[in-house]
Full PDB file with SEQRES, HELIX, SHEET, SSBOND, CRYST1, ORIGX, SCALE, CONECT and MASTER records, all heavy atoms in Angstrom:
SEQRES   1 A   38  LEU VAL ARG ARG GLN LEU LYS VAL MET THR LEU SER ILE          
SEQRES   2 A   38  GLY ASP GLY ALA ASN ASP VAL SER MET ILE GLN ALA ALA          
SEQRES   3 A   38  ASP VAL GLY ILE GLY ILE SER GLY GLN ASP GLY MET              
HELIX    1 AA1 VAL A    2  LEU A    6  1                                   5    
HELIX    2 AA2 ALA A   17  ASP A   19  5                                   3    
HELIX    3 AA3 VAL A   20  ALA A   25  1                                   6    
SHEET    1 AA1 2 LEU A  11  GLY A  14  0                                        
SHEET    2 AA1 2 VAL A  28  GLY A  31  1                                        
CRYST1    1.000    1.000    1.000  90.00  90.00  90.00 P 1           1          
ORIGX1      1.000000  0.000000  0.000000        0.00000                         
ORIGX2      0.000000  1.000000  0.000000        0.00000                         
ORIGX3      0.000000  0.000000  1.000000        0.00000                         
SCALE1      1.000000  0.000000  0.000000        0.00000                         
SCALE2      0.000000  1.000000  0.000000        0.00000                         
SCALE3      0.000000  0.000000  1.000000        0.00000                         
ATOM      1  N   LEU A   1     -17.022  29.886  -3.389  1.00  0.00           N  
ATOM      2  CA  LEU A   1     -16.215  30.688  -4.304  1.00  0.00           C  
ATOM      3  C   LEU A   1     -16.370  30.191  -5.742  1.00  0.00           C  
ATOM      4  O   LEU A   1     -16.574  30.984  -6.672  1.00  0.00           O  
ATOM      5  CB  LEU A   1     -14.743  30.639  -3.886  1.00  0.00           C  
ATOM      6  CG  LEU A   1     -13.750  31.340  -4.799  1.00  0.00           C  
ATOM      7  CD1 LEU A   1     -13.945  32.839  -4.745  1.00  0.00           C  
ATOM      8  CD2 LEU A   1     -12.330  30.967  -4.409  1.00  0.00           C  
ATOM      9  N   VAL A   2     -16.303  28.891  -5.940  1.00  0.00           N  
ATOM     10  CA  VAL A   2     -16.448  28.322  -7.275  1.00  0.00           C  
ATOM     11  C   VAL A   2     -17.845  28.580  -7.820  1.00  0.00           C  
ATOM     12  O   VAL A   2     -18.013  28.960  -8.985  1.00  0.00           O  
ATOM     13  CB  VAL A   2     -16.106  26.813  -7.259  1.00  0.00           C  
ATOM     14  CG1 VAL A   2     -16.479  26.148  -8.566  1.00  0.00           C  
ATOM     15  CG2 VAL A   2     -14.636  26.613  -6.954  1.00  0.00           C  
ATOM     16  N   ARG A   3     -18.866  28.407  -7.001  1.00  0.00           N  
ATOM     17  CA  ARG A   3     -20.240  28.657  -7.436  1.00  0.00           C  
ATOM     18  C   ARG A   3     -20.446  30.116  -7.808  1.00  0.00           C  
ATOM     19  O   ARG A   3     -21.077  30.435  -8.817  1.00  0.00           O  
ATOM     20  CB  ARG A   3     -21.232  28.289  -6.332  1.00  0.00           C  
ATOM     21  CG  ARG A   3     -21.548  26.830  -6.245  1.00  0.00           C  
ATOM     22  CD  ARG A   3     -22.580  26.545  -5.207  1.00  0.00           C  
ATOM     23  NE  ARG A   3     -23.862  27.122  -5.610  1.00  0.00           N  
ATOM     24  CZ  ARG A   3     -24.910  27.202  -4.810  1.00  0.00           C  
ATOM     25  NH1 ARG A   3     -24.833  26.773  -3.577  1.00  0.00           N  
ATOM     26  NH2 ARG A   3     -26.028  27.707  -5.240  1.00  0.00           N  
ATOM     27  N   ARG A   4     -19.952  31.005  -6.991  1.00  0.00           N  
ATOM     28  CA  ARG A   4     -20.191  32.444  -7.184  1.00  0.00           C  
ATOM     29  C   ARG A   4     -19.408  32.999  -8.376  1.00  0.00           C  
ATOM     30  O   ARG A   4     -19.953  33.695  -9.214  1.00  0.00           O  
ATOM     31  CB  ARG A   4     -19.841  33.193  -5.908  1.00  0.00           C  
ATOM     32  CG  ARG A   4     -20.135  34.681  -5.965  1.00  0.00           C  
ATOM     33  CD  ARG A   4     -19.763  35.397  -4.678  1.00  0.00           C  
ATOM     34  NE  ARG A   4     -18.324  35.314  -4.423  1.00  0.00           N  
ATOM     35  CZ  ARG A   4     -17.774  34.707  -3.388  1.00  0.00           C  
ATOM     36  NH1 ARG A   4     -18.539  34.113  -2.491  1.00  0.00           N  
ATOM     37  NH2 ARG A   4     -16.466  34.669  -3.224  1.00  0.00           N  
ATOM     38  N   GLN A   5     -18.136  32.671  -8.461  1.00  0.00           N  
ATOM     39  CA  GLN A   5     -17.284  33.277  -9.482  1.00  0.00           C  
ATOM     40  C   GLN A   5     -17.410  32.591 -10.846  1.00  0.00           C  
ATOM     41  O   GLN A   5     -17.455  33.272 -11.864  1.00  0.00           O  
ATOM     42  CB  GLN A   5     -15.814  33.242  -9.035  1.00  0.00           C  
ATOM     43  CG  GLN A   5     -15.531  34.050  -7.800  1.00  0.00           C  
ATOM     44  CD  GLN A   5     -15.694  35.546  -8.031  1.00  0.00           C  
ATOM     45  OE1 GLN A   5     -15.541  36.037  -9.132  1.00  0.00           O  
ATOM     46  NE2 GLN A   5     -16.006  36.262  -6.968  1.00  0.00           N  
ATOM     47  N   LEU A   6     -17.444  31.287 -10.871  1.00  0.00           N  
ATOM     48  CA  LEU A   6     -17.484  30.567 -12.145  1.00  0.00           C  
ATOM     49  C   LEU A   6     -18.894  30.301 -12.633  1.00  0.00           C  
ATOM     50  O   LEU A   6     -19.086  29.900 -13.785  1.00  0.00           O  
ATOM     51  CB  LEU A   6     -16.710  29.250 -12.034  1.00  0.00           C  
ATOM     52  CG  LEU A   6     -15.237  29.359 -11.671  1.00  0.00           C  
ATOM     53  CD1 LEU A   6     -14.599  27.990 -11.610  1.00  0.00           C  
ATOM     54  CD2 LEU A   6     -14.510  30.248 -12.667  1.00  0.00           C  
ATOM     55  N   LYS A   7     -19.880  30.447 -11.743  1.00  0.00           N  
ATOM     56  CA  LYS A   7     -21.287  30.212 -12.079  1.00  0.00           C  
ATOM     57  C   LYS A   7     -21.496  28.822 -12.699  1.00  0.00           C  
ATOM     58  O   LYS A   7     -22.067  28.673 -13.777  1.00  0.00           O  
ATOM     59  CB  LYS A   7     -21.804  31.308 -13.007  1.00  0.00           C  
ATOM     60  CG  LYS A   7     -21.819  32.665 -12.337  1.00  0.00           C  
ATOM     61  CD  LYS A   7     -22.364  33.718 -13.232  1.00  0.00           C  
ATOM     62  CE  LYS A   7     -22.428  35.081 -12.617  1.00  0.00           C  
ATOM     63  NZ  LYS A   7     -21.500  35.481 -11.642  1.00  0.00           N  
ATOM     64  N   VAL A   8     -20.986  27.820 -11.998  1.00  0.00           N  
ATOM     65  CA  VAL A   8     -21.129  26.429 -12.411  1.00  0.00           C  
ATOM     66  C   VAL A   8     -21.837  25.652 -11.306  1.00  0.00           C  
ATOM     67  O   VAL A   8     -21.949  26.121 -10.171  1.00  0.00           O  
ATOM     68  CB  VAL A   8     -19.750  25.780 -12.698  1.00  0.00           C  
ATOM     69  CG1 VAL A   8     -19.094  26.413 -13.894  1.00  0.00           C  
ATOM     70  CG2 VAL A   8     -18.848  25.844 -11.490  1.00  0.00           C  
ATOM     71  N   MET A   9     -22.322  24.472 -11.656  1.00  0.00           N  
ATOM     72  CA  MET A   9     -22.911  23.595 -10.643  1.00  0.00           C  
ATOM     73  C   MET A   9     -21.792  22.888  -9.902  1.00  0.00           C  
ATOM     74  O   MET A   9     -20.801  22.470 -10.506  1.00  0.00           O  
ATOM     75  CB  MET A   9     -23.839  22.570 -11.283  1.00  0.00           C  
ATOM     76  CG  MET A   9     -25.140  23.153 -11.752  1.00  0.00           C  
ATOM     77  SD  MET A   9     -26.324  21.871 -12.152  1.00  0.00           S  
ATOM     78  CE  MET A   9     -26.659  21.221 -10.539  1.00  0.00           C  
ATOM     79  N   THR A  10     -21.962  22.753  -8.608  1.00  0.00           N  
ATOM     80  CA  THR A  10     -20.931  22.115  -7.792  1.00  0.00           C  
ATOM     81  C   THR A  10     -21.481  20.845  -7.156  1.00  0.00           C  
ATOM     82  O   THR A  10     -22.666  20.747  -6.855  1.00  0.00           O  
ATOM     83  CB  THR A  10     -20.444  23.064  -6.690  1.00  0.00           C  
ATOM     84  OG1 THR A  10     -21.559  23.501  -5.924  1.00  0.00           O  
ATOM     85  CG2 THR A  10     -19.739  24.263  -7.294  1.00  0.00           C  
ATOM     86  N   LEU A  11     -20.590  19.893  -6.955  1.00  0.00           N  
ATOM     87  CA  LEU A  11     -20.912  18.637  -6.311  1.00  0.00           C  
ATOM     88  C   LEU A  11     -19.891  18.423  -5.210  1.00  0.00           C  
ATOM     89  O   LEU A  11     -18.687  18.514  -5.457  1.00  0.00           O  
ATOM     90  CB  LEU A  11     -20.848  17.484  -7.317  1.00  0.00           C  
ATOM     91  CG  LEU A  11     -21.046  16.105  -6.714  1.00  0.00           C  
ATOM     92  CD1 LEU A  11     -22.305  15.486  -7.264  1.00  0.00           C  
ATOM     93  CD2 LEU A  11     -19.866  15.231  -7.027  1.00  0.00           C  
ATOM     94  N   SER A  12     -20.375  18.171  -4.003  1.00  0.00           N  
ATOM     95  CA  SER A  12     -19.474  17.920  -2.878  1.00  0.00           C  
ATOM     96  C   SER A  12     -19.716  16.520  -2.350  1.00  0.00           C  
ATOM     97  O   SER A  12     -20.854  16.074  -2.230  1.00  0.00           O  
ATOM     98  CB  SER A  12     -19.713  18.929  -1.757  1.00  0.00           C  
ATOM     99  OG  SER A  12     -19.343  20.207  -2.174  1.00  0.00           O  
ATOM    100  N   ILE A  13     -18.619  15.860  -2.005  1.00  0.00           N  
ATOM    101  CA  ILE A  13     -18.679  14.502  -1.479  1.00  0.00           C  
ATOM    102  C   ILE A  13     -17.963  14.499  -0.141  1.00  0.00           C  
ATOM    103  O   ILE A  13     -16.842  14.993  -0.025  1.00  0.00           O  
ATOM    104  CB  ILE A  13     -17.992  13.512  -2.430  1.00  0.00           C  
ATOM    105  CG1 ILE A  13     -18.605  13.612  -3.822  1.00  0.00           C  
ATOM    106  CG2 ILE A  13     -18.099  12.093  -1.903  1.00  0.00           C  
ATOM    107  CD1 ILE A  13     -17.806  12.920  -4.876  1.00  0.00           C  
ATOM    108  N   GLY A  14     -18.622  13.956   0.874  1.00  0.00           N  
ATOM    109  CA  GLY A  14     -18.008  13.898   2.190  1.00  0.00           C  
ATOM    110  C   GLY A  14     -18.447  12.673   2.954  1.00  0.00           C  
ATOM    111  O   GLY A  14     -19.468  12.068   2.661  1.00  0.00           O  
ATOM    112  N   ASP A  15     -17.658  12.342   3.982  1.00  0.00           N  
ATOM    113  CA  ASP A  15     -17.971  11.144   4.762  1.00  0.00           C  
ATOM    114  C   ASP A  15     -18.052  11.394   6.259  1.00  0.00           C  
ATOM    115  O   ASP A  15     -18.254  10.459   7.024  1.00  0.00           O  
ATOM    116  CB  ASP A  15     -16.944  10.048   4.489  1.00  0.00           C  
ATOM    117  CG  ASP A  15     -15.548  10.429   4.955  1.00  0.00           C  
ATOM    118  OD1 ASP A  15     -15.312  11.611   5.244  1.00  0.00           O  
ATOM    119  OD2 ASP A  15     -14.695   9.526   5.028  1.00  0.00           O  
ATOM    120  N   GLY A  16     -17.912  12.629   6.683  1.00  0.00           N  
ATOM    121  CA  GLY A  16     -17.920  12.875   8.122  1.00  0.00           C  
ATOM    122  C   GLY A  16     -18.572  14.196   8.479  1.00  0.00           C  
ATOM    123  O   GLY A  16     -19.032  14.953   7.629  1.00  0.00           O  
ATOM    124  N   ALA A  17     -18.582  14.482   9.774  1.00  0.00           N  
ATOM    125  CA  ALA A  17     -19.214  15.702  10.271  1.00  0.00           C  
ATOM    126  C   ALA A  17     -18.480  16.951   9.801  1.00  0.00           C  
ATOM    127  O   ALA A  17     -19.089  18.012   9.647  1.00  0.00           O  
ATOM    128  CB  ALA A  17     -19.259  15.674  11.799  1.00  0.00           C  
ATOM    129  N   ASN A  18     -17.177  16.843   9.533  1.00  0.00           N  
ATOM    130  CA  ASN A  18     -16.426  18.014   9.080  1.00  0.00           C  
ATOM    131  C   ASN A  18     -16.747  18.381   7.634  1.00  0.00           C  
ATOM    132  O   ASN A  18     -16.341  19.434   7.164  1.00  0.00           O  
ATOM    133  CB  ASN A  18     -14.922  17.782   9.238  1.00  0.00           C  
ATOM    134  CG  ASN A  18     -14.442  16.579   8.463  1.00  0.00           C  
ATOM    135  OD1 ASN A  18     -15.229  15.733   8.044  1.00  0.00           O  
ATOM    136  ND2 ASN A  18     -13.145  16.496   8.269  1.00  0.00           N  
ATOM    137  N   ASP A  19     -17.493  17.550   6.912  1.00  0.00           N  
ATOM    138  CA  ASP A  19     -17.851  17.824   5.528  1.00  0.00           C  
ATOM    139  C   ASP A  19     -19.270  18.363   5.367  1.00  0.00           C  
ATOM    140  O   ASP A  19     -19.693  18.659   4.253  1.00  0.00           O  
ATOM    141  CB  ASP A  19     -17.716  16.543   4.691  1.00  0.00           C  
ATOM    142  CG  ASP A  19     -16.308  16.017   4.672  1.00  0.00           C  
ATOM    143  OD1 ASP A  19     -15.377  16.843   4.615  1.00  0.00           O  
ATOM    144  OD2 ASP A  19     -16.124  14.785   4.720  1.00  0.00           O  
ATOM    145  N   VAL A  20     -20.008  18.517   6.451  1.00  0.00           N  
ATOM    146  CA  VAL A  20     -21.412  18.916   6.373  1.00  0.00           C  
ATOM    147  C   VAL A  20     -21.569  20.294   5.753  1.00  0.00           C  
ATOM    148  O   VAL A  20     -22.408  20.498   4.870  1.00  0.00           O  
ATOM    149  CB  VAL A  20     -22.072  18.846   7.769  1.00  0.00           C  
ATOM    150  CG1 VAL A  20     -23.440  19.496   7.759  1.00  0.00           C  
ATOM    151  CG2 VAL A  20     -22.186  17.403   8.224  1.00  0.00           C  
ATOM    152  N   SER A  21     -20.777  21.271   6.164  1.00  0.00           N  
ATOM    153  CA  SER A  21     -20.925  22.621   5.612  1.00  0.00           C  
ATOM    154  C   SER A  21     -20.585  22.650   4.127  1.00  0.00           C  
ATOM    155  O   SER A  21     -21.215  23.378   3.358  1.00  0.00           O  
ATOM    156  CB  SER A  21     -20.052  23.603   6.384  1.00  0.00           C  
ATOM    157  OG  SER A  21     -18.693  23.239   6.300  1.00  0.00           O  
ATOM    158  N   MET A  22     -19.624  21.865   3.695  1.00  0.00           N  
ATOM    159  CA  MET A  22     -19.268  21.787   2.279  1.00  0.00           C  
ATOM    160  C   MET A  22     -20.398  21.143   1.478  1.00  0.00           C  
ATOM    161  O   MET A  22     -20.744  21.622   0.395  1.00  0.00           O  
ATOM    162  CB  MET A  22     -17.983  20.969   2.121  1.00  0.00           C  
ATOM    163  CG  MET A  22     -17.593  20.688   0.701  1.00  0.00           C  
ATOM    164  SD  MET A  22     -16.170  19.600   0.553  1.00  0.00           S  
ATOM    165  CE  MET A  22     -16.782  18.085   1.269  1.00  0.00           C  
ATOM    166  N   ILE A  23     -20.997  20.098   2.010  1.00  0.00           N  
ATOM    167  CA  ILE A  23     -22.092  19.406   1.331  1.00  0.00           C  
ATOM    168  C   ILE A  23     -23.294  20.332   1.191  1.00  0.00           C  
ATOM    169  O   ILE A  23     -23.953  20.378   0.156  1.00  0.00           O  
ATOM    170  CB  ILE A  23     -22.457  18.109   2.079  1.00  0.00           C  
ATOM    171  CG1 ILE A  23     -21.341  17.086   1.898  1.00  0.00           C  
ATOM    172  CG2 ILE A  23     -23.782  17.546   1.614  1.00  0.00           C  
ATOM    173  CD1 ILE A  23     -21.490  15.847   2.749  1.00  0.00           C  
ATOM    174  N   GLN A  24     -23.581  21.093   2.238  1.00  0.00           N  
ATOM    175  CA  GLN A  24     -24.722  21.992   2.188  1.00  0.00           C  
ATOM    176  C   GLN A  24     -24.476  23.202   1.301  1.00  0.00           C  
ATOM    177  O   GLN A  24     -25.419  23.782   0.779  1.00  0.00           O  
ATOM    178  CB  GLN A  24     -25.092  22.438   3.600  1.00  0.00           C  
ATOM    179  CG  GLN A  24     -25.680  21.319   4.426  1.00  0.00           C  
ATOM    180  CD  GLN A  24     -25.961  21.730   5.857  1.00  0.00           C  
ATOM    181  OE1 GLN A  24     -25.411  22.693   6.354  1.00  0.00           O  
ATOM    182  NE2 GLN A  24     -26.827  20.974   6.518  1.00  0.00           N  
ATOM    183  N   ALA A  25     -23.230  23.599   1.100  1.00  0.00           N  
ATOM    184  CA  ALA A  25     -22.916  24.744   0.244  1.00  0.00           C  
ATOM    185  C   ALA A  25     -22.988  24.390  -1.235  1.00  0.00           C  
ATOM    186  O   ALA A  25     -23.177  25.267  -2.066  1.00  0.00           O  
ATOM    187  CB  ALA A  25     -21.536  25.289   0.586  1.00  0.00           C  
ATOM    188  N   ALA A  26     -22.864  23.125  -1.584  1.00  0.00           N  
ATOM    189  CA  ALA A  26     -22.852  22.699  -2.982  1.00  0.00           C  
ATOM    190  C   ALA A  26     -24.273  22.564  -3.526  1.00  0.00           C  
ATOM    191  O   ALA A  26     -25.247  22.481  -2.774  1.00  0.00           O  
ATOM    192  CB  ALA A  26     -22.121  21.368  -3.106  1.00  0.00           C  
ATOM    193  N   ASP A  27     -24.369  22.542  -4.858  1.00  0.00           N  
ATOM    194  CA  ASP A  27     -25.664  22.318  -5.496  1.00  0.00           C  
ATOM    195  C   ASP A  27     -26.148  20.893  -5.250  1.00  0.00           C  
ATOM    196  O   ASP A  27     -27.326  20.671  -5.005  1.00  0.00           O  
ATOM    197  CB  ASP A  27     -25.562  22.569  -7.000  1.00  0.00           C  
ATOM    198  CG  ASP A  27     -25.313  24.029  -7.315  1.00  0.00           C  
ATOM    199  OD1 ASP A  27     -26.048  24.877  -6.790  1.00  0.00           O  
ATOM    200  OD2 ASP A  27     -24.372  24.321  -8.072  1.00  0.00           O  
ATOM    201  N   VAL A  28     -25.238  19.947  -5.349  1.00  0.00           N  
ATOM    202  CA  VAL A  28     -25.552  18.541  -5.102  1.00  0.00           C  
ATOM    203  C   VAL A  28     -24.568  18.027  -4.067  1.00  0.00           C  
ATOM    204  O   VAL A  28     -23.366  18.180  -4.219  1.00  0.00           O  
ATOM    205  CB  VAL A  28     -25.447  17.704  -6.393  1.00  0.00           C  
ATOM    206  CG1 VAL A  28     -25.741  16.245  -6.103  1.00  0.00           C  
ATOM    207  CG2 VAL A  28     -26.375  18.230  -7.463  1.00  0.00           C  
ATOM    208  N   GLY A  29     -25.102  17.432  -3.010  1.00  0.00           N  
ATOM    209  CA  GLY A  29     -24.259  16.884  -1.962  1.00  0.00           C  
ATOM    210  C   GLY A  29     -24.415  15.383  -1.873  1.00  0.00           C  
ATOM    211  O   GLY A  29     -25.527  14.862  -1.907  1.00  0.00           O  
ATOM    212  N   ILE A  30     -23.293  14.698  -1.769  1.00  0.00           N  
ATOM    213  CA  ILE A  30     -23.297  13.238  -1.646  1.00  0.00           C  
ATOM    214  C   ILE A  30     -22.600  12.872  -0.352  1.00  0.00           C  
ATOM    215  O   ILE A  30     -21.467  13.287  -0.106  1.00  0.00           O  
ATOM    216  CB  ILE A  30     -22.586  12.576  -2.845  1.00  0.00           C  
ATOM    217  CG1 ILE A  30     -23.318  12.915  -4.130  1.00  0.00           C  
ATOM    218  CG2 ILE A  30     -22.515  11.073  -2.655  1.00  0.00           C  
ATOM    219  CD1 ILE A  30     -22.650  12.392  -5.373  1.00  0.00           C  
ATOM    220  N   GLY A  31     -23.297  12.120   0.472  1.00  0.00           N  
ATOM    221  CA  GLY A  31     -22.734  11.665   1.730  1.00  0.00           C  
ATOM    222  C   GLY A  31     -22.360  10.197   1.648  1.00  0.00           C  
ATOM    223  O   GLY A  31     -23.115   9.384   1.116  1.00  0.00           O  
ATOM    224  N   ILE A  32     -21.209   9.878   2.185  1.00  0.00           N  
ATOM    225  CA  ILE A  32     -20.746   8.494   2.221  1.00  0.00           C  
ATOM    226  C   ILE A  32     -20.858   8.007   3.651  1.00  0.00           C  
ATOM    227  O   ILE A  32     -20.248   8.574   4.551  1.00  0.00           O  
ATOM    228  CB  ILE A  32     -19.293   8.377   1.726  1.00  0.00           C  
ATOM    229  CG1 ILE A  32     -19.177   8.925   0.304  1.00  0.00           C  
ATOM    230  CG2 ILE A  32     -18.816   6.934   1.789  1.00  0.00           C  
ATOM    231  CD1 ILE A  32     -17.760   8.984  -0.206  1.00  0.00           C  
ATOM    232  N   SER A  33     -21.663   6.979   3.849  1.00  0.00           N  
ATOM    233  CA  SER A  33     -21.801   6.429   5.197  1.00  0.00           C  
ATOM    234  C   SER A  33     -20.579   5.589   5.500  1.00  0.00           C  
ATOM    235  O   SER A  33     -20.127   4.799   4.681  1.00  0.00           O  
ATOM    236  CB  SER A  33     -23.080   5.594   5.303  1.00  0.00           C  
ATOM    237  OG  SER A  33     -23.048   4.532   4.392  1.00  0.00           O  
ATOM    238  N   GLY A  34     -20.052   5.795   6.675  1.00  0.00           N  
ATOM    239  CA  GLY A  34     -18.835   5.064   7.010  1.00  0.00           C  
ATOM    240  C   GLY A  34     -18.551   5.100   8.486  1.00  0.00           C  
ATOM    241  O   GLY A  34     -19.452   5.232   9.314  1.00  0.00           O  
ATOM    242  N   GLN A  35     -17.260   5.036   8.808  1.00  0.00           N  
ATOM    243  CA  GLN A  35     -16.837   4.961  10.194  1.00  0.00           C  
ATOM    244  C   GLN A  35     -16.936   6.307  10.901  1.00  0.00           C  
ATOM    245  O   GLN A  35     -16.936   6.359  12.126  1.00  0.00           O  
ATOM    246  CB  GLN A  35     -15.399   4.453  10.250  1.00  0.00           C  
ATOM    247  CG  GLN A  35     -15.261   3.050   9.698  1.00  0.00           C  
ATOM    248  CD  GLN A  35     -13.803   2.625   9.631  1.00  0.00           C  
ATOM    249  OE1 GLN A  35     -12.905   3.410   9.857  1.00  0.00           O  
ATOM    250  NE2 GLN A  35     -13.585   1.357   9.308  1.00  0.00           N  
ATOM    251  N   ASP A  36     -16.983   7.396  10.148  1.00  0.00           N  
ATOM    252  CA  ASP A  36     -17.026   8.714  10.769  1.00  0.00           C  
ATOM    253  C   ASP A  36     -18.419   9.135  11.213  1.00  0.00           C  
ATOM    254  O   ASP A  36     -18.599  10.252  11.673  1.00  0.00           O  
ATOM    255  CB  ASP A  36     -16.482   9.765   9.789  1.00  0.00           C  
ATOM    256  CG  ASP A  36     -14.999   9.570   9.535  1.00  0.00           C  
ATOM    257  OD1 ASP A  36     -14.343   8.908  10.361  1.00  0.00           O  
ATOM    258  OD2 ASP A  36     -14.509  10.087   8.524  1.00  0.00           O  
ATOM    259  N   GLY A  37     -19.399   8.296  11.022  1.00  0.00           N  
ATOM    260  CA  GLY A  37     -20.750   8.617  11.456  1.00  0.00           C  
ATOM    261  C   GLY A  37     -21.675   8.902  10.290  1.00  0.00           C  
ATOM    262  O   GLY A  37     -21.325   8.719   9.133  1.00  0.00           O  
ATOM    263  N   MET A  38     -22.868   9.361  10.624  1.00  0.00           N  
ATOM    264  CA  MET A  38     -23.901   9.570   9.615  1.00  0.00           C  
ATOM    265  C   MET A  38     -24.216  11.048   9.389  1.00  0.00           C  
ATOM    266  O   MET A  38     -25.204  11.365   8.742  1.00  0.00           O  
ATOM    267  CB  MET A  38     -25.173   8.833  10.053  1.00  0.00           C  
ATOM    268  CG  MET A  38     -25.024   7.334  10.135  1.00  0.00           C  
ATOM    269  SD  MET A  38     -24.744   6.567   8.542  1.00  0.00           S  
ATOM    270  CE  MET A  38     -26.351   6.694   7.835  1.00  0.00           C  
TER     271      MET A  38                                                      
MASTER        0    0    0    3    2    0    0    6  270    1    0    3          
END                                                                             
């Protein structure tokens, strides 16, 4: 929604499997390795 409507670059940060779709939807995705897996 932010990418489409505001036409800005997005950055998503996540640390688990539930953040994968958000990371892939963003222009730049940052993954944090931790206890939730890789």
